[in-house]
Amino acid sequence: MNKNQKNVEEFMEAASQKGNAYPSEISQKDAELRVILLLEEVLEFSAASGVEVKLDFDKTNGIIRDTNDLVIKKVGEVDLVEIADGVGDINYVNEGAALAYGIDMEPIHEEIQRSNMSKFIDGHRREDGKWVKGPSYSPADIKPIIEAQIAAGKNAEIKPVPVETGTK
């Protein structure tokens, strides 16, 4: 667990919010809270960036499937202080979501970094600036990391506690 997750864990404990010791499902109520918290922060960041985000109801029937279902346009001024606050809050809430689900994000981040860097082997930049995967792209392999975290967490729970015998 990285320093940021440890800080968020301290907050969650003070707020009586649940976290899991290893990757595990959470209640529907807690899952909805995590999604709402992230969406609130992303929308605050959007407003600070002077960008309006709307759902394209004609394409979606009210269900967002990906960013193509959104209408995004510039509508206001940029507030760098609010952007910094928004990005910081997104990171904080994201770390809280990972903790709620019992996920140590450090190895996840490292694997995503490895995967993202493989885009530069033979990928290309789209017109909007996003870098697109090429044939040599190697997707992030998250499953073994989660499986290892689950196994380590379950093994930690069943380790016997040493009993002092009184002898030295």
C-alpha atoms as a PDB file:
ATOM      1  CA  MET A   1       0.000   0.000   0.000  1.00  0.00           C
ATOM      2  CA  ASN A   2       1.394   3.385  -0.965  1.00  0.00           C
ATOM      3  CA  LYS A   3       1.507   6.480   1.266  1.00  0.00           C
ATOM      4  CA  ASN A   4      -1.579   7.995  -0.382  1.00  0.00           C
ATOM      5  CA  GLN A   5      -3.658   4.891   0.321  1.00  0.00           C
ATOM      6  CA  LYS A   6      -2.445   4.875   3.933  1.00  0.00           C
ATOM      7  CA  ASN A   7      -3.586   8.501   4.324  1.00  0.00           C
ATOM      8  CA  VAL A   8      -6.995   7.721   2.837  1.00  0.00           C
ATOM      9  CA  GLU A   9      -7.258   4.620   5.027  1.00  0.00           C
ATOM     10  CA  GLU A  10      -6.777   6.854   8.092  1.00  0.00           C
ATOM     11  CA  PHE A  11      -9.619   9.106   6.871  1.00  0.00           C
ATOM     12  CA  MET A  12     -11.894   6.157   6.162  1.00  0.00           C
ATOM     13  CA  GLU A  13     -11.309   4.733   9.642  1.00  0.00           C
ATOM     14  CA  ALA A  14     -12.131   8.121  11.202  1.00  0.00           C
ATOM     15  CA  ALA A  15     -15.284   8.299   9.044  1.00  0.00           C
ATOM     16  CA  SER A  16     -16.301   4.731   9.975  1.00  0.00           C
ATOM     17  CA  GLN A  17     -16.120   3.704   6.327  1.00  0.00           C
ATOM     18  CA  LYS A  18     -15.396   0.089   5.554  1.00  0.00           C
ATOM     19  CA  GLY A  19     -12.335  -1.178   3.754  1.00  0.00           C
ATOM     20  CA  ASN A  20     -11.427  -4.755   2.949  1.00  0.00           C
ATOM     21  CA  ALA A  21      -8.156  -6.452   3.885  1.00  0.00           C
ATOM     22  CA  TYR A  22      -7.874  -7.973   0.412  1.00  0.00           C
ATOM     23  CA  PRO A  23      -9.753  -7.688  -2.900  1.00  0.00           C
ATOM     24  CA  SER A  24     -13.391  -8.437  -2.147  1.00  0.00           C
ATOM     25  CA  GLU A  25     -16.854  -7.401  -3.237  1.00  0.00           C
ATOM     26  CA  ILE A  26     -18.591  -4.652  -1.298  1.00  0.00           C
ATOM     27  CA  SER A  27     -22.261  -4.026  -0.616  1.00  0.00           C
ATOM     28  CA  GLN A  28     -24.441  -2.446  -3.306  1.00  0.00           C
ATOM     29  CA  LYS A  29     -24.877   0.601  -1.061  1.00  0.00           C
ATOM     30  CA  ASP A  30     -21.100   1.019  -0.669  1.00  0.00           C
ATOM     31  CA  ALA A  31     -20.546   0.456  -4.411  1.00  0.00           C
ATOM     32  CA  GLU A  32     -23.087   3.150  -5.251  1.00  0.00           C
ATOM     33  CA  LEU A  33     -21.433   5.530  -2.766  1.00  0.00           C
ATOM     34  CA  ARG A  34     -18.031   4.987  -4.401  1.00  0.00           C
ATOM     35  CA  VAL A  35     -19.432   5.644  -7.891  1.00  0.00           C
ATOM     36  CA  ILE A  36     -21.287   8.767  -6.739  1.00  0.00           C
ATOM     37  CA  LEU A  37     -18.210  10.147  -4.970  1.00  0.00           C
ATOM     38  CA  LEU A  38     -16.052   9.671  -8.076  1.00  0.00           C
ATOM     39  CA  LEU A  39     -18.663  11.162 -10.405  1.00  0.00           C
ATOM     40  CA  GLU A  40     -19.122  14.200  -8.141  1.00  0.00           C
ATOM     41  CA  GLU A  41     -15.387  14.891  -8.181  1.00  0.00           C
ATOM     42  CA  VAL A  42     -15.078  14.389 -11.950  1.00  0.00           C
ATOM     43  CA  LEU A  43     -17.961  16.818 -12.514  1.00  0.00           C
ATOM     44  CA  GLU A  44     -16.348  19.394 -10.197  1.00  0.00           C
ATOM     45  CA  PHE A  45     -13.088  19.002 -12.148  1.00  0.00           C
ATOM     46  CA  SER A  46     -15.030  19.429 -15.396  1.00  0.00           C
ATOM     47  CA  ALA A  47     -16.602  22.667 -14.158  1.00  0.00           C
ATOM     48  CA  ALA A  48     -13.207  23.987 -12.994  1.00  0.00           C
ATOM     49  CA  SER A  49     -11.842  23.193 -16.464  1.00  0.00           C
ATOM     50  CA  GLY A  50     -14.604  25.234 -18.079  1.00  0.00           C
ATOM     51  CA  VAL A  51     -15.990  22.120 -19.738  1.00  0.00           C
ATOM     52  CA  GLU A  52     -19.645  21.123 -19.773  1.00  0.00           C
ATOM     53  CA  VAL A  53     -20.511  17.427 -19.957  1.00  0.00           C
ATOM     54  CA  LYS A  54     -23.970  16.290 -21.025  1.00  0.00           C
ATOM     55  CA  LEU A  55     -25.468  12.934 -21.853  1.00  0.00           C
ATOM     56  CA  ASP A  56     -26.512  12.555 -25.507  1.00  0.00           C
ATOM     57  CA  PHE A  57     -29.996  11.140 -24.835  1.00  0.00           C
ATOM     58  CA  ASP A  58     -30.649  10.622 -28.534  1.00  0.00           C
ATOM     59  CA  LYS A  59     -27.841   8.061 -28.714  1.00  0.00           C
ATOM     60  CA  THR A  60     -28.044   6.504 -25.266  1.00  0.00           C
ATOM     61  CA  ASN A  61     -31.616   6.270 -24.008  1.00  0.00           C
ATOM     62  CA  GLY A  62     -30.194   7.575 -20.741  1.00  0.00           C
ATOM     63  CA  ILE A  63     -27.455   4.953 -20.279  1.00  0.00           C
ATOM     64  CA  ILE A  64     -23.798   5.927 -20.542  1.00  0.00           C
ATOM     65  CA  ARG A  65     -21.715   3.154 -22.097  1.00  0.00           C
ATOM     66  CA  ASP A  66     -18.586   5.127 -22.982  1.00  0.00           C
ATOM     67  CA  THR A  67     -17.395   8.667 -23.658  1.00  0.00           C
ATOM     68  CA  ASN A  68     -18.989   8.611 -27.120  1.00  0.00           C
ATOM     69  CA  ASP A  69     -22.320   8.903 -25.265  1.00  0.00           C
ATOM     70  CA  LEU A  70     -21.363  12.348 -23.958  1.00  0.00           C
ATOM     71  CA  VAL A  71     -21.521  15.835 -25.417  1.00  0.00           C
ATOM     72  CA  ILE A  72     -18.560  17.863 -24.207  1.00  0.00           C
ATOM     73  CA  LYS A  73     -18.071  21.559 -24.890  1.00  0.00           C
ATOM     74  CA  LYS A  74     -16.152  24.540 -23.580  1.00  0.00           C
ATOM     75  CA  VAL A  75     -18.462  26.844 -21.616  1.00  0.00           C
ATOM     76  CA  GLY A  76     -16.461  28.709 -19.020  1.00  0.00           C
ATOM     77  CA  GLU A  77     -13.180  29.897 -17.638  1.00  0.00           C
ATOM     78  CA  VAL A  78     -10.403  27.711 -16.295  1.00  0.00           C
ATOM     79  CA  ASP A  79      -9.733  27.895 -12.551  1.00  0.00           C
ATOM     80  CA  LEU A  80      -6.339  26.311 -11.875  1.00  0.00           C
ATOM     81  CA  VAL A  81      -6.814  26.236  -8.114  1.00  0.00           C
ATOM     82  CA  GLU A  82     -10.128  24.403  -8.492  1.00  0.00           C
ATOM     83  CA  ILE A  83      -8.572  22.079 -11.085  1.00  0.00           C
ATOM     84  CA  ALA A  84      -5.810  21.163  -8.623  1.00  0.00           C
ATOM     85  CA  ASP A  85      -8.427  20.621  -5.917  1.00  0.00           C
ATOM     86  CA  GLY A  86     -10.544  18.516  -8.284  1.00  0.00           C
ATOM     87  CA  VAL A  87      -7.673  16.327  -9.456  1.00  0.00           C
ATOM     88  CA  GLY A  88      -6.553  15.868  -5.847  1.00  0.00           C
ATOM     89  CA  ASP A  89     -10.082  14.948  -4.775  1.00  0.00           C
ATOM     90  CA  ILE A  90     -10.416  12.483  -7.661  1.00  0.00           C
ATOM     91  CA  ASN A  91      -7.183  10.791  -6.581  1.00  0.00           C
ATOM     92  CA  TYR A  92      -8.286  10.739  -2.938  1.00  0.00           C
ATOM     93  CA  VAL A  93     -11.729   9.300  -3.668  1.00  0.00           C
ATOM     94  CA  ASN A  94     -10.225   6.813  -6.131  1.00  0.00           C
ATOM     95  CA  GLU A  95      -7.819   5.552  -3.458  1.00  0.00           C
ATOM     96  CA  GLY A  96     -10.810   5.233  -1.116  1.00  0.00           C
ATOM     97  CA  ALA A  97     -12.659   3.142  -3.690  1.00  0.00           C
ATOM     98  CA  ALA A  98      -9.639   0.852  -4.006  1.00  0.00           C
ATOM     99  CA  LEU A  99      -9.464   0.518  -0.207  1.00  0.00           C
ATOM    100  CA  ALA A 100     -13.175  -0.195   0.024  1.00  0.00           C
ATOM    101  CA  TYR A 101     -12.641  -3.080  -2.390  1.00  0.00           C
ATOM    102  CA  GLY A 102      -9.404  -4.124  -0.627  1.00  0.00           C
ATOM    103  CA  ILE A 103      -7.131  -3.403  -3.592  1.00  0.00           C
ATOM    104  CA  ASP A 104      -3.502  -2.346  -3.133  1.00  0.00           C
ATOM    105  CA  MET A 105      -3.083   0.063  -6.035  1.00  0.00           C
ATOM    106  CA  GLU A 106       0.716   0.244  -6.160  1.00  0.00           C
ATOM    107  CA  PRO A 107       1.258  -2.953  -8.207  1.00  0.00           C
ATOM    108  CA  ILE A 108      -1.829  -2.146 -10.289  1.00  0.00           C
ATOM    109  CA  HIS A 109      -0.379   1.260 -11.168  1.00  0.00           C
ATOM    110  CA  GLU A 110       2.964  -0.320 -12.094  1.00  0.00           C
ATOM    111  CA  GLU A 111       1.298  -2.834 -14.421  1.00  0.00           C
ATOM    112  CA  ILE A 112      -0.822  -0.128 -16.077  1.00  0.00           C
ATOM    113  CA  GLN A 113       2.331   1.964 -16.547  1.00  0.00           C
ATOM    114  CA  ARG A 114       4.066  -0.982 -18.235  1.00  0.00           C
ATOM    115  CA  SER A 115       1.052  -1.506 -20.490  1.00  0.00           C
ATOM    116  CA  ASN A 116       0.641   2.180 -21.356  1.00  0.00           C
ATOM    117  CA  MET A 117       4.307   2.524 -22.294  1.00  0.00           C
ATOM    118  CA  SER A 118       3.890  -0.331 -24.790  1.00  0.00           C
ATOM    119  CA  LYS A 119       1.550   1.963 -26.786  1.00  0.00           C
ATOM    120  CA  PHE A 120       4.602   3.949 -27.896  1.00  0.00           C
ATOM    121  CA  ILE A 121       6.242   0.999 -29.683  1.00  0.00           C
ATOM    122  CA  ASP A 122       4.126   1.384 -32.813  1.00  0.00           C
ATOM    123  CA  GLY A 123       1.028   3.332 -31.788  1.00  0.00           C
ATOM    124  CA  HIS A 124      -0.025   6.757 -32.983  1.00  0.00           C
ATOM    125  CA  ARG A 125      -1.651   9.981 -31.777  1.00  0.00           C
ATOM    126  CA  ARG A 126      -5.292  10.613 -32.636  1.00  0.00           C
ATOM    127  CA  GLU A 127      -6.413  14.039 -33.806  1.00  0.00           C
ATOM    128  CA  ASP A 128      -7.748  14.817 -30.299  1.00  0.00           C
ATOM    129  CA  GLY A 129      -4.345  14.037 -28.739  1.00  0.00           C
ATOM    130  CA  LYS A 130      -5.056  10.596 -27.279  1.00  0.00           C
ATOM    131  CA  TRP A 131      -2.356   8.007 -27.938  1.00  0.00           C
ATOM    132  CA  VAL A 132      -3.742   4.907 -29.673  1.00  0.00           C
ATOM    133  CA  LYS A 133      -2.433   1.375 -29.221  1.00  0.00           C
ATOM    134  CA  GLY A 134      -0.413  -0.202 -32.003  1.00  0.00           C
ATOM    135  CA  PRO A 135      -0.010  -3.888 -32.870  1.00  0.00           C
ATOM    136  CA  SER A 136       2.730  -4.299 -30.235  1.00  0.00           C
ATOM    137  CA  TYR A 137       0.521  -2.978 -27.422  1.00  0.00           C
ATOM    138  CA  SER A 138       0.523  -5.258 -24.399  1.00  0.00           C
ATOM    139  CA  PRO A 139      -2.649  -4.944 -22.280  1.00  0.00           C
ATOM    140  CA  ALA A 140      -2.377  -4.617 -18.536  1.00  0.00           C
ATOM    141  CA  ASP A 141      -2.501  -8.048 -16.905  1.00  0.00           C
ATOM    142  CA  ILE A 142      -4.339  -7.185 -13.694  1.00  0.00           C
ATOM    143  CA  LYS A 143      -5.874 -10.593 -12.927  1.00  0.00           C
ATOM    144  CA  PRO A 144      -2.724 -12.236 -11.460  1.00  0.00           C
ATOM    145  CA  ILE A 145      -2.097  -9.178  -9.282  1.00  0.00           C
ATOM    146  CA  ILE A 146      -5.613  -9.327  -7.841  1.00  0.00           C
ATOM    147  CA  GLU A 147      -5.387 -13.106  -7.416  1.00  0.00           C
ATOM    148  CA  ALA A 148      -2.085 -12.700  -5.520  1.00  0.00           C
ATOM    149  CA  GLN A 149      -3.592  -9.997  -3.287  1.00  0.00           C
ATOM    150  CA  ILE A 150      -6.602 -12.212  -2.546  1.00  0.00           C
ATOM    151  CA  ALA A 151      -4.376 -15.204  -1.733  1.00  0.00           C
ATOM    152  CA  ALA A 152      -2.072 -13.124   0.479  1.00  0.00           C
ATOM    153  CA  GLY A 153      -5.056 -11.621   2.298  1.00  0.00           C
ATOM    154  CA  LYS A 154      -6.736 -14.958   2.892  1.00  0.00           C
ATOM    155  CA  ASN A 155      -3.467 -16.552   4.012  1.00  0.00           C
ATOM    156  CA  ALA A 156      -2.832 -13.676   6.411  1.00  0.00           C
ATOM    157  CA  GLU A 157      -6.247 -14.222   8.001  1.00  0.00           C
ATOM    158  CA  ILE A 158      -5.633 -17.889   8.805  1.00  0.00           C
ATOM    159  CA  LYS A 159      -2.050 -17.676  10.090  1.00  0.00           C
ATOM    160  CA  PRO A 160      -1.900 -19.033  13.626  1.00  0.00           C
ATOM    161  CA  VAL A 161      -1.005 -16.536  16.311  1.00  0.00           C
ATOM    162  CA  PRO A 162       2.121 -17.584  18.243  1.00  0.00           C
ATOM    163  CA  VAL A 163       1.381 -18.469  21.842  1.00  0.00           C
ATOM    164  CA  GLU A 164       3.918 -17.639  24.507  1.00  0.00           C
ATOM    165  CA  THR A 165       4.836 -20.691  26.490  1.00  0.00           C
ATOM    166  CA  GLY A 166       6.504 -18.886  29.363  1.00  0.00           C
ATOM    167  CA  THR A 167       9.965 -20.206  28.521  1.00  0.00           C
ATOM    168  CA  LYS A 168      12.763 -18.132  27.093  1.00  0.00           C
END
